[in-house]
Structures are given as C-alpha cells and as structure tokens.
Amino acid sequence: MEHNTPEMHELIFKITKAKKNDDLFYQNWKAKIGNKSNLSIPVRGETRILRKQIRYRLFRIRDEVLKQKSAAEYDCGLRKWMELQFAQGITWENFTFIWDVSATDPLRIVEAMEWDGQVIQDKNTGRRYCDPPAFTNQG
C-alpha cells in the first residue's frame, strides 16, 4: 500500500493541527511565567497523544513484517511513509532499538542522537529514560 492514502492525509492534518495547538499553548505558558527558568517545560499534550497512537500502529506493523501477520488495519499508508525515511541500517527489526519517532513530529524517524524529547534521570535508580517513551527496546 502506498503512503498517499486518505488516512495518511487525515493523520498529517491531525498532527499539523496538534503541533500548532501545542506551540500556541507553549507560547501562552511562556508569556505567563516570564523568565522563571526553574520550571520544567510543559508536555506537548496533543502531539504526545497522536505520537502514542502512531507508535502503537508501528508496533503492529513491525509484528506484521517480522511474523507475517496481517496488520493492514494499522497500516493505511503509514508503513510506506516510514519506509521512505529508512536510511542505511534502519529496518523494522530495529524499531525502538536504533530508531523511533520524533517527540515533536511523530511522522519523522529519529535516531538516538537526534532525540528531540526529554531525557530524564530516575532519582532512585540513576537510570535515564526518554520522555515521551522512545528507544524502549520493546520486543
């Protein structure tokens, strides 16, 4: 299935709108707090929800590729969209190991060094993790 589908057009529209709303929220938040740099940046709420949905679909697509299961209901052009971004060494087998989707643009592939979300250190264990979840090595 090609990436130029009505479902992909709708998804692109939703993400564009969510990013715009999140940016507006951030600008308003920044205007209210001024230069108080000790506050953490608010979560990109609408984009985060769509990103979670996209990752869910990508896990189903990966399962389809690896186990020859049908995941057509989750694809709707998303598989081809992502595959068009595959660079050398990027495969479905290494989704969440080598690559994941951007925190700010969930239809864009990023590698660990390009991560545009936050990296948080757990105070109890000292381990670091991505927020929103990425590079989670889920099987």
N, C-alpha and C. Protein backbone atom coordinates (compact mmCIF):
# COMPACT_ATOMS: atom_id res chain seq x y z
N MET A 1 0.85 -1.17 0.00
CA MET A 1 0.00 0.00 0.00
C MET A 1 0.89 1.23 0.00
N GLU A 2 0.57 2.16 -0.85
CA GLU A 2 1.34 3.39 -0.93
C GLU A 2 1.02 4.31 0.24
N HIS A 3 1.85 5.31 0.43
CA HIS A 3 1.67 6.23 1.55
C HIS A 3 0.64 7.33 1.27
N ASN A 4 0.26 7.50 0.03
CA ASN A 4 -0.68 8.56 -0.35
C ASN A 4 -2.11 8.05 -0.23
N THR A 5 -2.61 8.00 1.00
CA THR A 5 -3.95 7.48 1.26
C THR A 5 -4.77 8.54 1.99
N PRO A 6 -6.08 8.44 1.93
CA PRO A 6 -6.91 9.39 2.70
C PRO A 6 -6.59 9.36 4.20
N GLU A 7 -6.29 8.17 4.72
CA GLU A 7 -5.96 8.05 6.14
C GLU A 7 -4.68 8.79 6.49
N MET A 8 -3.67 8.73 5.61
CA MET A 8 -2.42 9.46 5.85
C MET A 8 -2.65 10.96 5.74
N HIS A 9 -3.47 11.39 4.80
CA HIS A 9 -3.78 12.82 4.69
C HIS A 9 -4.44 13.31 5.98
N GLU A 10 -5.36 12.53 6.51
CA GLU A 10 -6.04 12.90 7.75
C GLU A 10 -5.06 12.92 8.92
N LEU A 11 -4.16 11.94 8.97
CA LEU A 11 -3.18 11.88 10.05
C LEU A 11 -2.22 13.08 9.99
N ILE A 12 -1.78 13.42 8.80
CA ILE A 12 -0.90 14.58 8.63
C ILE A 12 -1.63 15.85 9.09
N PHE A 13 -2.89 15.98 8.73
CA PHE A 13 -3.68 17.14 9.15
C PHE A 13 -3.80 17.19 10.67
N LYS A 14 -4.11 16.05 11.29
CA LYS A 14 -4.24 16.00 12.75
C LYS A 14 -2.94 16.39 13.45
N ILE A 15 -1.83 15.88 12.94
CA ILE A 15 -0.54 16.19 13.56
C ILE A 15 -0.18 17.66 13.38
N THR A 16 -0.43 18.19 12.20
CA THR A 16 -0.17 19.61 11.96
C THR A 16 -0.98 20.48 12.92
N LYS A 17 -2.24 20.14 13.08
CA LYS A 17 -3.11 20.89 13.99
C LYS A 17 -2.64 20.74 15.44
N ALA A 18 -2.29 19.53 15.85
CA ALA A 18 -1.83 19.28 17.21
C ALA A 18 -0.55 20.06 17.50
N LYS A 19 0.40 20.06 16.57
CA LYS A 19 1.65 20.80 16.75
C LYS A 19 1.38 22.29 16.89
N LYS A 20 0.46 22.80 16.09
CA LYS A 20 0.10 24.22 16.15
C LYS A 20 -0.53 24.54 17.51
N ASN A 21 -1.45 23.70 17.97
CA ASN A 21 -2.09 23.91 19.27
C ASN A 21 -1.08 23.82 20.41
N ASP A 22 -0.17 22.85 20.34
CA ASP A 22 0.86 22.71 21.37
C ASP A 22 1.80 23.92 21.38
N ASP A 23 2.16 24.42 20.20
CA ASP A 23 3.02 25.60 20.13
C ASP A 23 2.32 26.82 20.72
N LEU A 24 1.05 26.98 20.43
CA LEU A 24 0.28 28.10 20.97
C LEU A 24 0.19 27.99 22.49
N PHE A 25 -0.07 26.79 22.99
CA PHE A 25 -0.12 26.57 24.44
C PHE A 25 1.22 26.94 25.08
N TYR A 26 2.32 26.50 24.45
CA TYR A 26 3.65 26.79 24.97
C TYR A 26 3.92 28.30 24.99
N GLN A 27 3.57 28.98 23.91
CA GLN A 27 3.78 30.43 23.86
C GLN A 27 2.99 31.15 24.95
N ASN A 28 1.75 30.75 25.16
CA ASN A 28 0.93 31.35 26.22
C ASN A 28 1.52 31.05 27.59
N TRP A 29 1.97 29.82 27.80
CA TRP A 29 2.59 29.43 29.06
C TRP A 29 3.84 30.25 29.31
N LYS A 30 4.67 30.39 28.28
CA LYS A 30 5.92 31.15 28.40
C LYS A 30 5.63 32.62 28.72
N ALA A 31 4.59 33.18 28.12
CA ALA A 31 4.23 34.57 28.38
C ALA A 31 3.76 34.75 29.83
N LYS A 32 3.11 33.75 30.38
CA LYS A 32 2.61 33.84 31.76
C LYS A 32 3.71 33.71 32.80
N ILE A 33 4.69 32.83 32.55
CA ILE A 33 5.71 32.58 33.56
C ILE A 33 6.90 33.51 33.46
N GLY A 34 7.06 34.17 32.32
CA GLY A 34 8.19 35.07 32.14
C GLY A 34 9.50 34.32 32.06
N ASN A 35 10.50 34.78 32.80
CA ASN A 35 11.85 34.20 32.73
C ASN A 35 12.16 33.27 33.89
N LYS A 36 11.18 32.63 34.45
CA LYS A 36 11.39 31.68 35.54
C LYS A 36 11.94 30.38 34.97
N SER A 37 13.24 30.29 34.91
CA SER A 37 13.87 29.16 34.22
C SER A 37 13.86 27.87 35.03
N ASN A 38 13.46 27.92 36.29
CA ASN A 38 13.48 26.71 37.11
C ASN A 38 12.25 25.82 36.88
N LEU A 39 11.30 26.28 36.09
CA LEU A 39 10.10 25.48 35.80
C LEU A 39 10.37 24.56 34.61
N SER A 40 9.82 23.35 34.68
CA SER A 40 10.00 22.43 33.55
C SER A 40 9.01 22.78 32.44
N ILE A 41 9.45 22.53 31.24
CA ILE A 41 8.64 22.84 30.06
C ILE A 41 7.42 21.93 30.05
N PRO A 42 6.24 22.47 29.74
CA PRO A 42 5.05 21.63 29.73
C PRO A 42 5.08 20.59 28.61
N VAL A 43 4.39 19.51 28.83
CA VAL A 43 4.31 18.42 27.86
C VAL A 43 3.54 18.88 26.63
N ARG A 44 3.97 18.41 25.46
CA ARG A 44 3.27 18.71 24.22
C ARG A 44 2.08 17.75 24.13
N GLY A 45 1.00 18.08 24.81
CA GLY A 45 -0.11 17.18 25.04
C GLY A 45 -0.76 16.58 23.81
N GLU A 46 -1.22 17.40 22.88
CA GLU A 46 -1.93 16.86 21.71
C GLU A 46 -1.00 16.05 20.83
N THR A 47 0.20 16.54 20.62
CA THR A 47 1.18 15.82 19.79
C THR A 47 1.54 14.50 20.46
N ARG A 48 1.68 14.52 21.77
CA ARG A 48 2.04 13.32 22.52
C ARG A 48 0.99 12.21 22.36
N ILE A 49 -0.27 12.57 22.40
CA ILE A 49 -1.35 11.59 22.24
C ILE A 49 -1.28 10.95 20.86
N LEU A 50 -1.12 11.76 19.82
CA LEU A 50 -1.03 11.23 18.46
C LEU A 50 0.23 10.38 18.28
N ARG A 51 1.33 10.80 18.89
CA ARG A 51 2.57 10.03 18.80
C ARG A 51 2.38 8.65 19.42
N LYS A 52 1.70 8.59 20.55
CA LYS A 52 1.44 7.31 21.20
C LYS A 52 0.63 6.40 20.29
N GLN A 53 -0.36 6.96 19.62
CA GLN A 53 -1.19 6.17 18.69
C GLN A 53 -0.37 5.69 17.51
N ILE A 54 0.51 6.54 17.00
CA ILE A 54 1.36 6.16 15.86
C ILE A 54 2.32 5.05 16.26
N ARG A 55 2.94 5.18 17.43
CA ARG A 55 3.85 4.12 17.90
C ARG A 55 3.12 2.79 18.06
N TYR A 56 1.90 2.83 18.57
CA TYR A 56 1.10 1.62 18.71
C TYR A 56 0.94 0.96 17.33
N ARG A 57 0.59 1.77 16.35
CA ARG A 57 0.42 1.24 14.99
C ARG A 57 1.73 0.70 14.45
N LEU A 58 2.84 1.39 14.73
CA LEU A 58 4.15 0.93 14.24
C LEU A 58 4.55 -0.41 14.86
N PHE A 59 4.22 -0.61 16.13
CA PHE A 59 4.48 -1.91 16.74
C PHE A 59 3.68 -3.00 16.03
N ARG A 60 2.44 -2.73 15.67
CA ARG A 60 1.63 -3.72 14.95
C ARG A 60 2.20 -3.97 13.56
N ILE A 61 2.64 -2.91 12.88
CA ILE A 61 3.24 -3.07 11.55
C ILE A 61 4.53 -3.88 11.66
N ARG A 62 5.35 -3.58 12.66
CA ARG A 62 6.59 -4.35 12.86
C ARG A 62 6.28 -5.83 13.06
N ASP A 63 5.25 -6.11 13.86
CA ASP A 63 4.85 -7.51 14.06
C ASP A 63 4.43 -8.15 12.74
N GLU A 64 3.73 -7.38 11.91
CA GLU A 64 3.32 -7.89 10.61
C GLU A 64 4.54 -8.26 9.78
N VAL A 65 5.52 -7.40 9.76
CA VAL A 65 6.73 -7.63 8.96
C VAL A 65 7.51 -8.84 9.49
N LEU A 66 7.68 -8.90 10.81
CA LEU A 66 8.52 -9.95 11.39
C LEU A 66 7.84 -11.31 11.48
N LYS A 67 6.53 -11.31 11.69
CA LYS A 67 5.82 -12.57 11.92
C LYS A 67 4.82 -12.91 10.83
N GLN A 68 4.85 -12.15 9.75
CA GLN A 68 3.92 -12.34 8.65
C GLN A 68 2.47 -12.40 9.10
N LYS A 69 2.14 -11.53 10.07
CA LYS A 69 0.75 -11.38 10.49
C LYS A 69 0.14 -10.23 9.71
N SER A 70 -1.16 -10.21 9.63
CA SER A 70 -1.83 -9.12 8.94
C SER A 70 -2.02 -7.95 9.90
N ALA A 71 -1.56 -6.78 9.47
CA ALA A 71 -1.74 -5.56 10.25
C ALA A 71 -2.27 -4.45 9.35
N ALA A 72 -2.98 -4.84 8.30
CA ALA A 72 -3.47 -3.87 7.32
C ALA A 72 -4.31 -2.78 7.96
N GLU A 73 -5.06 -3.11 9.00
CA GLU A 73 -5.90 -2.11 9.65
C GLU A 73 -5.06 -1.02 10.31
N TYR A 74 -3.81 -1.30 10.66
CA TYR A 74 -2.94 -0.32 11.30
C TYR A 74 -2.07 0.42 10.29
N ASP A 75 -1.95 -0.12 9.09
CA ASP A 75 -1.06 0.44 8.09
C ASP A 75 -1.64 1.69 7.45
N CYS A 76 -2.56 1.54 6.54
CA CYS A 76 -3.23 2.65 5.86
C CYS A 76 -2.24 3.67 5.30
N GLY A 77 -1.10 3.22 4.83
CA GLY A 77 -0.08 4.09 4.25
C GLY A 77 1.05 4.44 5.20
N LEU A 78 0.90 4.17 6.48
CA LEU A 78 1.92 4.53 7.47
C LEU A 78 3.22 3.74 7.26
N ARG A 79 3.09 2.47 6.93
CA ARG A 79 4.30 1.65 6.72
C ARG A 79 5.16 2.24 5.61
N LYS A 80 4.55 2.53 4.48
CA LYS A 80 5.29 3.07 3.35
C LYS A 80 5.86 4.45 3.69
N TRP A 81 5.09 5.27 4.43
CA TRP A 81 5.55 6.60 4.85
C TRP A 81 6.87 6.48 5.62
N MET A 82 6.91 5.54 6.56
CA MET A 82 8.11 5.35 7.37
C MET A 82 9.24 4.75 6.53
N GLU A 83 8.91 3.77 5.71
CA GLU A 83 9.95 3.12 4.90
C GLU A 83 10.63 4.10 3.95
N LEU A 84 9.92 5.12 3.50
CA LEU A 84 10.53 6.14 2.65
C LEU A 84 11.62 6.91 3.39
N GLN A 85 11.59 6.88 4.72
CA GLN A 85 12.60 7.58 5.53
C GLN A 85 13.73 6.65 5.99
N PHE A 86 13.62 5.36 5.72
CA PHE A 86 14.65 4.42 6.15
C PHE A 86 15.99 4.79 5.51
N ALA A 87 17.00 4.95 6.34
CA ALA A 87 18.37 5.16 5.88
C ALA A 87 19.12 3.84 6.07
N GLN A 88 20.37 3.83 5.72
CA GLN A 88 21.17 2.62 5.87
C GLN A 88 21.16 2.16 7.33
N GLY A 89 20.83 0.90 7.55
CA GLY A 89 20.83 0.32 8.88
C GLY A 89 19.50 0.42 9.61
N ILE A 90 18.54 1.14 9.04
CA ILE A 90 17.23 1.25 9.67
C ILE A 90 16.30 0.21 9.06
N THR A 91 15.74 -0.63 9.93
CA THR A 91 14.81 -1.68 9.49
C THR A 91 13.67 -1.78 10.49
N TRP A 92 12.67 -2.54 10.14
CA TRP A 92 11.58 -2.78 11.10
C TRP A 92 12.09 -3.57 12.29
N GLU A 93 13.08 -4.40 12.09
CA GLU A 93 13.61 -5.21 13.17
C GLU A 93 14.24 -4.36 14.28
N ASN A 94 14.76 -3.18 13.93
CA ASN A 94 15.42 -2.38 14.96
C ASN A 94 14.62 -1.14 15.37
N PHE A 95 13.30 -1.17 15.11
CA PHE A 95 12.42 -0.11 15.63
C PHE A 95 12.45 -0.16 17.16
N THR A 96 12.65 0.95 17.79
CA THR A 96 12.83 1.21 19.22
C THR A 96 14.22 0.83 19.73
N PHE A 97 15.03 0.20 18.92
CA PHE A 97 16.41 -0.07 19.30
C PHE A 97 17.31 1.00 18.67
N ILE A 98 17.23 1.15 17.36
CA ILE A 98 18.06 2.09 16.60
C ILE A 98 17.29 3.36 16.25
N TRP A 99 16.03 3.21 15.95
CA TRP A 99 15.22 4.36 15.57
C TRP A 99 13.89 4.36 16.30
N ASP A 100 13.30 5.54 16.34
CA ASP A 100 11.97 5.72 16.92
C ASP A 100 11.35 6.90 16.19
N VAL A 101 10.22 7.37 16.67
CA VAL A 101 9.60 8.53 16.04
C VAL A 101 9.84 9.76 16.91
N SER A 102 9.94 10.89 16.26
CA SER A 102 10.21 12.15 16.92
C SER A 102 9.15 12.49 17.97
N ALA A 103 9.58 13.17 19.02
CA ALA A 103 8.64 13.62 20.05
C ALA A 103 7.83 14.82 19.58
N THR A 104 8.37 15.59 18.66
CA THR A 104 7.70 16.80 18.20
C THR A 104 7.05 16.66 16.84
N ASP A 105 7.48 15.67 16.06
CA ASP A 105 6.91 15.42 14.73
C ASP A 105 6.80 13.90 14.56
N PRO A 106 5.70 13.32 15.05
CA PRO A 106 5.61 11.86 15.14
C PRO A 106 5.58 11.09 13.82
N LEU A 107 5.64 11.77 12.70
CA LEU A 107 5.75 11.07 11.42
C LEU A 107 7.17 11.11 10.89
N ARG A 108 8.11 11.56 11.72
CA ARG A 108 9.52 11.64 11.33
C ARG A 108 10.33 10.67 12.17
N ILE A 109 11.18 9.92 11.48
CA ILE A 109 12.08 8.98 12.14
C ILE A 109 13.27 9.74 12.73
N VAL A 110 13.63 9.36 13.97
CA VAL A 110 14.84 9.90 14.60
C VAL A 110 15.65 8.75 15.16
N GLU A 111 16.96 8.94 15.15
CA GLU A 111 17.86 8.01 15.82
C GLU A 111 18.18 8.60 17.19
N ALA A 112 18.79 7.82 18.06
CA ALA A 112 19.01 8.23 19.45
C ALA A 112 19.72 9.59 19.56
N MET A 113 20.69 9.85 18.73
CA MET A 113 21.44 11.11 18.80
C MET A 113 20.59 12.31 18.35
N GLU A 114 19.48 12.05 17.68
CA GLU A 114 18.61 13.13 17.20
C GLU A 114 17.40 13.34 18.11
N TRP A 115 17.32 12.62 19.21
CA TRP A 115 16.14 12.65 20.07
C TRP A 115 15.77 14.08 20.44
N ASP A 116 14.51 14.44 20.19
CA ASP A 116 14.04 15.80 20.43
C ASP A 116 13.06 15.89 21.59
N GLY A 117 12.96 14.83 22.36
CA GLY A 117 12.17 14.85 23.58
C GLY A 117 13.08 15.11 24.77
N GLN A 118 12.62 14.79 25.93
CA GLN A 118 13.43 14.98 27.13
C GLN A 118 14.10 13.67 27.52
N VAL A 119 15.22 13.78 28.21
CA VAL A 119 15.87 12.63 28.83
C VAL A 119 15.84 12.90 30.32
N ILE A 120 15.21 12.00 31.05
CA ILE A 120 15.01 12.18 32.48
C ILE A 120 15.80 11.12 33.25
N GLN A 121 16.40 11.53 34.34
CA GLN A 121 17.15 10.59 35.17
C GLN A 121 16.31 10.24 36.39
N ASP A 122 16.10 8.94 36.59
CA ASP A 122 15.36 8.45 37.76
C ASP A 122 16.22 8.67 38.99
N LYS A 123 15.69 9.38 39.98
CA LYS A 123 16.45 9.71 41.19
C LYS A 123 16.79 8.48 42.02
N ASN A 124 15.94 7.46 41.96
CA ASN A 124 16.17 6.25 42.76
C ASN A 124 17.19 5.31 42.15
N THR A 125 17.11 5.12 40.84
CA THR A 125 17.97 4.13 40.19
C THR A 125 19.15 4.76 39.45
N GLY A 126 19.04 6.03 39.12
CA GLY A 126 20.08 6.68 38.34
C GLY A 126 19.98 6.40 36.85
N ARG A 127 19.02 5.58 36.47
CA ARG A 127 18.83 5.25 35.05
C ARG A 127 18.18 6.41 34.33
N ARG A 128 18.52 6.58 33.08
CA ARG A 128 17.93 7.63 32.26
C ARG A 128 16.92 7.02 31.31
N TYR A 129 15.87 7.78 31.03
CA TYR A 129 14.86 7.31 30.09
C TYR A 129 14.31 8.48 29.29
N CYS A 130 13.75 8.16 28.15
CA CYS A 130 13.20 9.17 27.27
C CYS A 130 11.75 9.49 27.66
N ASP A 131 11.43 10.76 27.56
CA ASP A 131 10.05 11.20 27.78
C ASP A 131 9.69 12.15 26.65
N PRO A 132 8.68 11.82 25.86
CA PRO A 132 7.84 10.64 25.93
C PRO A 132 8.63 9.37 25.59
N PRO A 133 8.05 8.21 25.91
CA PRO A 133 8.77 6.95 25.71
C PRO A 133 9.32 6.79 24.30
N ALA A 134 10.57 6.39 24.24
CA ALA A 134 11.24 6.11 22.96
C ALA A 134 12.44 5.24 23.27
N PHE A 135 12.94 4.58 22.26
CA PHE A 135 14.11 3.74 22.39
C PHE A 135 13.94 2.80 23.60
N THR A 136 12.77 2.18 23.65
CA THR A 136 12.40 1.37 24.80
C THR A 136 12.79 -0.09 24.65
N ASN A 137 13.33 -0.47 23.52
CA ASN A 137 13.78 -1.85 23.30
C ASN A 137 12.67 -2.87 23.56
N GLN A 138 11.48 -2.53 23.21
CA GLN A 138 10.37 -3.47 23.40
C GLN A 138 10.39 -4.51 22.29
N GLY A 139 10.07 -5.72 22.67
CA GLY A 139 10.07 -6.81 21.69
C GLY A 139 8.70 -7.20 21.29
